[in-house]
Amino acid sequence: QVQLVESGGGLVQAGGSLRLSCAASGRTFSSYVMGWFRQAPGKEREFVASIRWSSGRTSYADSVKGRFTISTDNAKNTVYLQMNTLKPEDTAVYYCAARLGLLPTSTGYNFWGQGTQVTVSS
């Protein structure tokens, strides 16, 4: 059974940085695509970034391009989301997700973590 555990959320001022971590277990993830999503209060969950574990190929939502970076650490079976130049509109619960796949994508994820809260104050 795939397990995804997020950590690293918190409160930060606008312009600051946070790094989220997602510890993955239960599979060999070389054939998996990993994603980060977020959901703000009263809004639908939205795609943030994705990475194909073995190739390192990435995809980003337009709203975070140039500010967020998704990466993996194979030795630690961990996916990271480095978030820089944070804005109040980045405030949300951030979720890690996984699916089998060949390319990074914003759809079709079937394994999800429990989420971690990120709050950006103005």
N, C-alpha and C. Protein backbone atom coordinates (compact mmCIF):
# COMPACT_ATOMS: atom_id res chain seq x y z
N GLN A 1 0.84 -1.18 0.00
CA GLN A 1 0.00 0.00 0.00
C GLN A 1 0.89 1.25 0.00
N VAL A 2 0.61 2.16 -0.92
CA VAL A 2 1.37 3.40 -0.99
C VAL A 2 0.98 4.30 0.17
N GLN A 3 1.98 4.82 0.84
CA GLN A 3 1.75 5.82 1.89
C GLN A 3 2.55 7.07 1.57
N LEU A 4 1.89 8.20 1.72
CA LEU A 4 2.52 9.50 1.47
C LEU A 4 2.31 10.36 2.70
N VAL A 5 3.39 10.88 3.25
CA VAL A 5 3.30 11.69 4.46
C VAL A 5 3.98 13.03 4.21
N GLU A 6 3.20 14.10 4.24
CA GLU A 6 3.73 15.45 4.01
C GLU A 6 4.19 16.07 5.32
N SER A 7 5.14 16.98 5.20
CA SER A 7 5.59 17.77 6.34
C SER A 7 6.21 19.05 5.82
N GLY A 8 6.45 19.99 6.74
CA GLY A 8 7.14 21.21 6.36
C GLY A 8 6.28 22.44 6.22
N GLY A 9 4.97 22.28 6.37
CA GLY A 9 4.11 23.44 6.30
C GLY A 9 4.27 24.35 7.50
N GLY A 10 3.66 25.53 7.43
CA GLY A 10 3.75 26.47 8.54
C GLY A 10 3.31 27.85 8.14
N LEU A 11 3.63 28.81 9.00
CA LEU A 11 3.28 30.21 8.78
C LEU A 11 4.53 30.97 8.34
N VAL A 12 4.41 31.74 7.27
CA VAL A 12 5.54 32.50 6.75
C VAL A 12 5.04 33.84 6.22
N GLN A 13 5.89 34.84 6.27
CA GLN A 13 5.51 36.14 5.73
C GLN A 13 5.64 36.15 4.22
N ALA A 14 4.87 37.01 3.60
CA ALA A 14 4.96 37.17 2.15
C ALA A 14 6.41 37.49 1.75
N GLY A 15 6.84 36.85 0.66
CA GLY A 15 8.22 36.99 0.21
C GLY A 15 9.16 35.94 0.77
N GLY A 16 8.69 35.19 1.76
CA GLY A 16 9.51 34.17 2.38
C GLY A 16 9.49 32.85 1.63
N SER A 17 10.14 31.85 2.24
CA SER A 17 10.27 30.53 1.61
C SER A 17 9.90 29.42 2.58
N LEU A 18 9.45 28.31 2.02
CA LEU A 18 9.21 27.08 2.76
C LEU A 18 9.58 25.91 1.87
N ARG A 19 9.99 24.81 2.48
CA ARG A 19 10.20 23.58 1.73
C ARG A 19 9.30 22.49 2.30
N LEU A 20 8.43 21.98 1.46
CA LEU A 20 7.57 20.86 1.85
C LEU A 20 8.24 19.54 1.48
N SER A 21 8.02 18.54 2.31
CA SER A 21 8.54 17.20 2.05
C SER A 21 7.40 16.21 1.99
N CYS A 22 7.57 15.18 1.18
CA CYS A 22 6.60 14.09 1.09
C CYS A 22 7.38 12.78 1.14
N ALA A 23 7.27 12.08 2.25
CA ALA A 23 7.93 10.79 2.40
C ALA A 23 7.04 9.71 1.83
N ALA A 24 7.56 8.98 0.84
CA ALA A 24 6.77 7.96 0.14
C ALA A 24 7.26 6.57 0.51
N SER A 25 6.32 5.65 0.70
CA SER A 25 6.67 4.27 1.04
C SER A 25 5.64 3.30 0.47
N GLY A 26 6.00 2.02 0.43
CA GLY A 26 5.08 1.00 0.00
C GLY A 26 5.24 0.53 -1.43
N ARG A 27 6.11 1.19 -2.19
CA ARG A 27 6.33 0.82 -3.59
C ARG A 27 7.77 1.14 -3.97
N THR A 28 8.18 0.63 -5.11
CA THR A 28 9.35 1.17 -5.79
C THR A 28 8.82 2.22 -6.75
N PHE A 29 9.24 3.47 -6.56
CA PHE A 29 8.56 4.59 -7.22
C PHE A 29 9.17 5.00 -8.55
N SER A 30 10.07 4.22 -9.09
CA SER A 30 10.73 4.61 -10.34
C SER A 30 9.74 4.75 -11.50
N SER A 31 8.62 4.07 -11.46
CA SER A 31 7.63 4.15 -12.53
C SER A 31 6.49 5.11 -12.19
N TYR A 32 6.67 5.87 -11.14
CA TYR A 32 5.60 6.74 -10.66
C TYR A 32 5.84 8.20 -11.03
N VAL A 33 4.73 8.91 -11.13
CA VAL A 33 4.73 10.36 -11.24
C VAL A 33 4.22 10.90 -9.90
N MET A 34 4.92 11.87 -9.39
CA MET A 34 4.56 12.47 -8.11
C MET A 34 4.06 13.89 -8.35
N GLY A 35 3.05 14.28 -7.58
CA GLY A 35 2.50 15.61 -7.76
C GLY A 35 2.26 16.33 -6.45
N TRP A 36 2.25 17.63 -6.53
CA TRP A 36 1.81 18.48 -5.42
C TRP A 36 0.56 19.22 -5.87
N PHE A 37 -0.44 19.25 -4.99
CA PHE A 37 -1.68 19.97 -5.21
C PHE A 37 -1.95 20.83 -4.00
N ARG A 38 -2.87 21.79 -4.14
CA ARG A 38 -3.24 22.61 -2.99
C ARG A 38 -4.72 22.94 -3.05
N GLN A 39 -5.27 23.19 -1.87
CA GLN A 39 -6.68 23.55 -1.76
C GLN A 39 -6.83 24.66 -0.74
N ALA A 40 -7.28 25.81 -1.20
CA ALA A 40 -7.55 26.94 -0.33
C ALA A 40 -8.99 26.87 0.16
N PRO A 41 -9.29 27.52 1.28
CA PRO A 41 -10.66 27.49 1.81
C PRO A 41 -11.67 27.98 0.78
N GLY A 42 -12.73 27.20 0.58
CA GLY A 42 -13.78 27.59 -0.34
C GLY A 42 -13.45 27.42 -1.81
N LYS A 43 -12.29 26.84 -2.10
CA LYS A 43 -11.88 26.66 -3.50
C LYS A 43 -11.65 25.18 -3.79
N GLU A 44 -11.64 24.87 -5.08
CA GLU A 44 -11.34 23.51 -5.49
C GLU A 44 -9.85 23.23 -5.39
N ARG A 45 -9.53 21.96 -5.25
CA ARG A 45 -8.12 21.57 -5.24
C ARG A 45 -7.51 21.86 -6.61
N GLU A 46 -6.29 22.38 -6.61
CA GLU A 46 -5.64 22.71 -7.87
C GLU A 46 -4.24 22.12 -7.95
N PHE A 47 -3.83 21.85 -9.15
CA PHE A 47 -2.50 21.31 -9.44
C PHE A 47 -1.44 22.37 -9.21
N VAL A 48 -0.32 21.95 -8.64
CA VAL A 48 0.80 22.85 -8.40
C VAL A 48 2.02 22.44 -9.23
N ALA A 49 2.45 21.19 -9.07
CA ALA A 49 3.66 20.73 -9.77
C ALA A 49 3.68 19.21 -9.82
N SER A 50 4.46 18.69 -10.78
CA SER A 50 4.55 17.25 -10.94
C SER A 50 5.95 16.88 -11.41
N ILE A 51 6.38 15.66 -11.07
CA ILE A 51 7.69 15.18 -11.49
C ILE A 51 7.62 13.69 -11.74
N ARG A 52 8.24 13.25 -12.82
CA ARG A 52 8.37 11.83 -13.09
C ARG A 52 9.61 11.36 -12.36
N TRP A 53 9.42 10.38 -11.44
CA TRP A 53 10.48 10.06 -10.48
C TRP A 53 11.78 9.67 -11.20
N SER A 54 11.72 8.81 -12.17
CA SER A 54 12.96 8.28 -12.75
C SER A 54 13.67 9.28 -13.66
N SER A 55 12.91 10.06 -14.42
CA SER A 55 13.54 10.96 -15.38
C SER A 55 13.84 12.34 -14.82
N GLY A 56 13.07 12.72 -13.78
CA GLY A 56 13.20 14.07 -13.24
C GLY A 56 12.48 15.13 -14.05
N ARG A 57 11.75 14.71 -15.08
CA ARG A 57 11.00 15.67 -15.89
C ARG A 57 9.89 16.29 -15.06
N THR A 58 9.70 17.61 -15.21
CA THR A 58 8.77 18.31 -14.34
C THR A 58 7.72 19.09 -15.13
N SER A 59 6.66 19.46 -14.41
CA SER A 59 5.59 20.30 -14.96
C SER A 59 5.07 21.17 -13.83
N TYR A 60 4.73 22.44 -14.16
CA TYR A 60 4.27 23.38 -13.15
C TYR A 60 3.01 24.11 -13.60
N ALA A 61 2.21 24.48 -12.61
CA ALA A 61 1.11 25.40 -12.88
C ALA A 61 1.70 26.78 -13.18
N ASP A 62 1.03 27.53 -14.04
CA ASP A 62 1.53 28.86 -14.40
C ASP A 62 1.69 29.76 -13.19
N SER A 63 0.82 29.59 -12.20
CA SER A 63 0.82 30.47 -11.03
C SER A 63 2.06 30.31 -10.16
N VAL A 64 2.80 29.22 -10.33
CA VAL A 64 3.97 28.98 -9.46
C VAL A 64 5.27 28.89 -10.24
N LYS A 65 5.21 28.93 -11.57
CA LYS A 65 6.43 28.84 -12.37
C LYS A 65 7.41 29.92 -11.99
N GLY A 66 8.66 29.53 -11.83
CA GLY A 66 9.69 30.47 -11.47
C GLY A 66 9.81 30.72 -9.97
N ARG A 67 8.83 30.26 -9.20
CA ARG A 67 8.87 30.45 -7.75
C ARG A 67 8.99 29.12 -7.00
N PHE A 68 8.36 28.08 -7.52
CA PHE A 68 8.36 26.76 -6.86
C PHE A 68 9.21 25.79 -7.66
N THR A 69 9.84 24.85 -6.95
CA THR A 69 10.63 23.81 -7.59
C THR A 69 10.30 22.46 -6.96
N ILE A 70 9.96 21.49 -7.78
CA ILE A 70 9.70 20.13 -7.31
C ILE A 70 10.93 19.28 -7.60
N SER A 71 11.28 18.41 -6.65
CA SER A 71 12.45 17.57 -6.82
C SER A 71 12.27 16.28 -6.01
N THR A 72 13.15 15.33 -6.28
CA THR A 72 13.10 14.06 -5.54
C THR A 72 14.47 13.72 -4.97
N ASP A 73 14.47 12.96 -3.89
CA ASP A 73 15.68 12.39 -3.31
C ASP A 73 15.47 10.89 -3.30
N ASN A 74 16.12 10.18 -4.22
CA ASN A 74 15.88 8.75 -4.35
C ASN A 74 16.31 7.98 -3.11
N ALA A 75 17.41 8.40 -2.51
CA ALA A 75 17.92 7.69 -1.34
C ALA A 75 16.94 7.77 -0.18
N LYS A 76 16.22 8.87 -0.09
CA LYS A 76 15.28 9.06 1.01
C LYS A 76 13.84 8.78 0.62
N ASN A 77 13.60 8.43 -0.66
CA ASN A 77 12.23 8.21 -1.15
C ASN A 77 11.33 9.38 -0.79
N THR A 78 11.84 10.57 -1.04
CA THR A 78 11.14 11.79 -0.63
C THR A 78 11.02 12.74 -1.81
N VAL A 79 9.87 13.38 -1.89
CA VAL A 79 9.62 14.42 -2.89
C VAL A 79 9.56 15.76 -2.16
N TYR A 80 10.16 16.76 -2.75
CA TYR A 80 10.20 18.09 -2.14
C TYR A 80 9.47 19.10 -3.01
N LEU A 81 8.95 20.13 -2.35
CA LEU A 81 8.44 21.30 -3.05
C LEU A 81 9.07 22.52 -2.38
N GLN A 82 10.05 23.09 -3.06
CA GLN A 82 10.69 24.32 -2.57
C GLN A 82 9.85 25.49 -3.05
N MET A 83 9.37 26.28 -2.11
CA MET A 83 8.48 27.40 -2.43
C MET A 83 9.17 28.71 -2.03
N ASN A 84 9.46 29.54 -3.02
CA ASN A 84 10.11 30.82 -2.78
C ASN A 84 9.18 31.97 -3.17
N THR A 85 9.51 33.15 -2.69
CA THR A 85 8.72 34.35 -2.99
C THR A 85 7.24 34.08 -2.77
N LEU A 86 6.93 33.57 -1.61
CA LEU A 86 5.54 33.19 -1.32
C LEU A 86 4.64 34.41 -1.25
N LYS A 87 3.38 34.19 -1.67
CA LYS A 87 2.38 35.24 -1.69
C LYS A 87 1.19 34.81 -0.82
N PRO A 88 0.41 35.75 -0.32
CA PRO A 88 -0.77 35.37 0.47
C PRO A 88 -1.71 34.42 -0.27
N GLU A 89 -1.77 34.54 -1.58
CA GLU A 89 -2.66 33.66 -2.35
C GLU A 89 -2.12 32.23 -2.47
N ASP A 90 -0.91 31.99 -1.97
CA ASP A 90 -0.39 30.62 -1.90
C ASP A 90 -0.90 29.88 -0.67
N THR A 91 -1.60 30.59 0.21
CA THR A 91 -2.14 29.96 1.42
C THR A 91 -3.11 28.86 1.05
N ALA A 92 -2.87 27.66 1.59
CA ALA A 92 -3.69 26.49 1.25
C ALA A 92 -3.19 25.29 2.04
N VAL A 93 -3.97 24.22 1.99
CA VAL A 93 -3.47 22.92 2.41
C VAL A 93 -2.81 22.29 1.18
N TYR A 94 -1.58 21.85 1.35
CA TYR A 94 -0.81 21.27 0.25
C TYR A 94 -0.79 19.75 0.39
N TYR A 95 -1.09 19.07 -0.71
CA TYR A 95 -1.17 17.62 -0.73
C TYR A 95 -0.15 17.03 -1.69
N CYS A 96 0.45 15.93 -1.28
CA CYS A 96 1.32 15.13 -2.12
C CYS A 96 0.48 14.01 -2.73
N ALA A 97 0.77 13.63 -3.97
CA ALA A 97 0.00 12.59 -4.64
C ALA A 97 0.91 11.76 -5.54
N ALA A 98 0.45 10.54 -5.87
CA ALA A 98 1.26 9.65 -6.70
C ALA A 98 0.36 8.87 -7.65
N ARG A 99 0.95 8.54 -8.80
CA ARG A 99 0.26 7.71 -9.78
C ARG A 99 1.32 7.07 -10.68
N LEU A 100 1.00 5.95 -11.26
CA LEU A 100 1.86 5.39 -12.28
C LEU A 100 1.78 6.29 -13.52
N GLY A 101 2.90 6.43 -14.21
CA GLY A 101 2.85 7.24 -15.43
C GLY A 101 4.22 7.45 -16.03
N LEU A 102 4.22 7.91 -17.29
CA LEU A 102 5.46 8.15 -18.02
C LEU A 102 5.87 9.61 -18.02
N LEU A 103 4.89 10.51 -17.88
CA LEU A 103 5.16 11.94 -17.97
C LEU A 103 4.51 12.66 -16.80
N PRO A 104 5.09 13.79 -16.36
CA PRO A 104 4.44 14.58 -15.32
C PRO A 104 3.07 15.04 -15.81
N THR A 105 2.10 15.10 -14.91
CA THR A 105 0.73 15.39 -15.30
C THR A 105 -0.03 15.97 -14.12
N SER A 106 -1.17 16.61 -14.43
CA SER A 106 -2.01 17.19 -13.38
C SER A 106 -3.23 16.34 -13.07
N THR A 107 -3.36 15.19 -13.70
CA THR A 107 -4.56 14.37 -13.54
C THR A 107 -4.26 12.92 -13.24
N GLY A 108 -5.29 12.20 -12.76
CA GLY A 108 -5.23 10.74 -12.65
C GLY A 108 -4.53 10.20 -11.43
N TYR A 109 -4.31 11.02 -10.41
CA TYR A 109 -3.62 10.55 -9.22
C TYR A 109 -4.55 9.70 -8.35
N ASN A 110 -4.02 8.59 -7.85
CA ASN A 110 -4.86 7.71 -7.05
C ASN A 110 -4.32 7.45 -5.65
N PHE A 111 -3.20 8.04 -5.30
CA PHE A 111 -2.69 7.95 -3.93
C PHE A 111 -2.45 9.37 -3.43
N TRP A 112 -2.91 9.64 -2.20
CA TRP A 112 -2.85 11.00 -1.65
C TRP A 112 -2.36 10.97 -0.21
N GLY A 113 -1.63 12.01 0.15
CA GLY A 113 -1.26 12.22 1.54
C GLY A 113 -2.36 12.95 2.28
N GLN A 114 -2.08 13.24 3.56
CA GLN A 114 -3.10 13.86 4.41
C GLN A 114 -3.08 15.39 4.34
N GLY A 115 -2.04 15.95 3.79
CA GLY A 115 -1.95 17.39 3.61
C GLY A 115 -1.18 18.09 4.72
N THR A 116 -0.63 19.25 4.36
CA THR A 116 0.06 20.10 5.32
C THR A 116 -0.33 21.55 5.04
N GLN A 117 -0.60 22.30 6.10
CA GLN A 117 -1.09 23.67 5.96
C GLN A 117 0.06 24.64 5.71
N VAL A 118 -0.12 25.49 4.71
CA VAL A 118 0.80 26.60 4.45
C VAL A 118 0.00 27.89 4.54
N THR A 119 0.46 28.79 5.39
CA THR A 119 -0.20 30.09 5.56
C THR A 119 0.81 31.19 5.31
N VAL A 120 0.49 32.08 4.37
CA VAL A 120 1.37 33.19 4.03
C VAL A 120 0.69 34.48 4.46
N SER A 121 1.31 35.19 5.37
CA SER A 121 0.75 36.44 5.88
C SER A 121 1.26 37.63 5.07
N SER A 122 0.41 38.63 4.94
CA SER A 122 0.79 39.82 4.15
C SER A 122 1.45 40.88 5.00
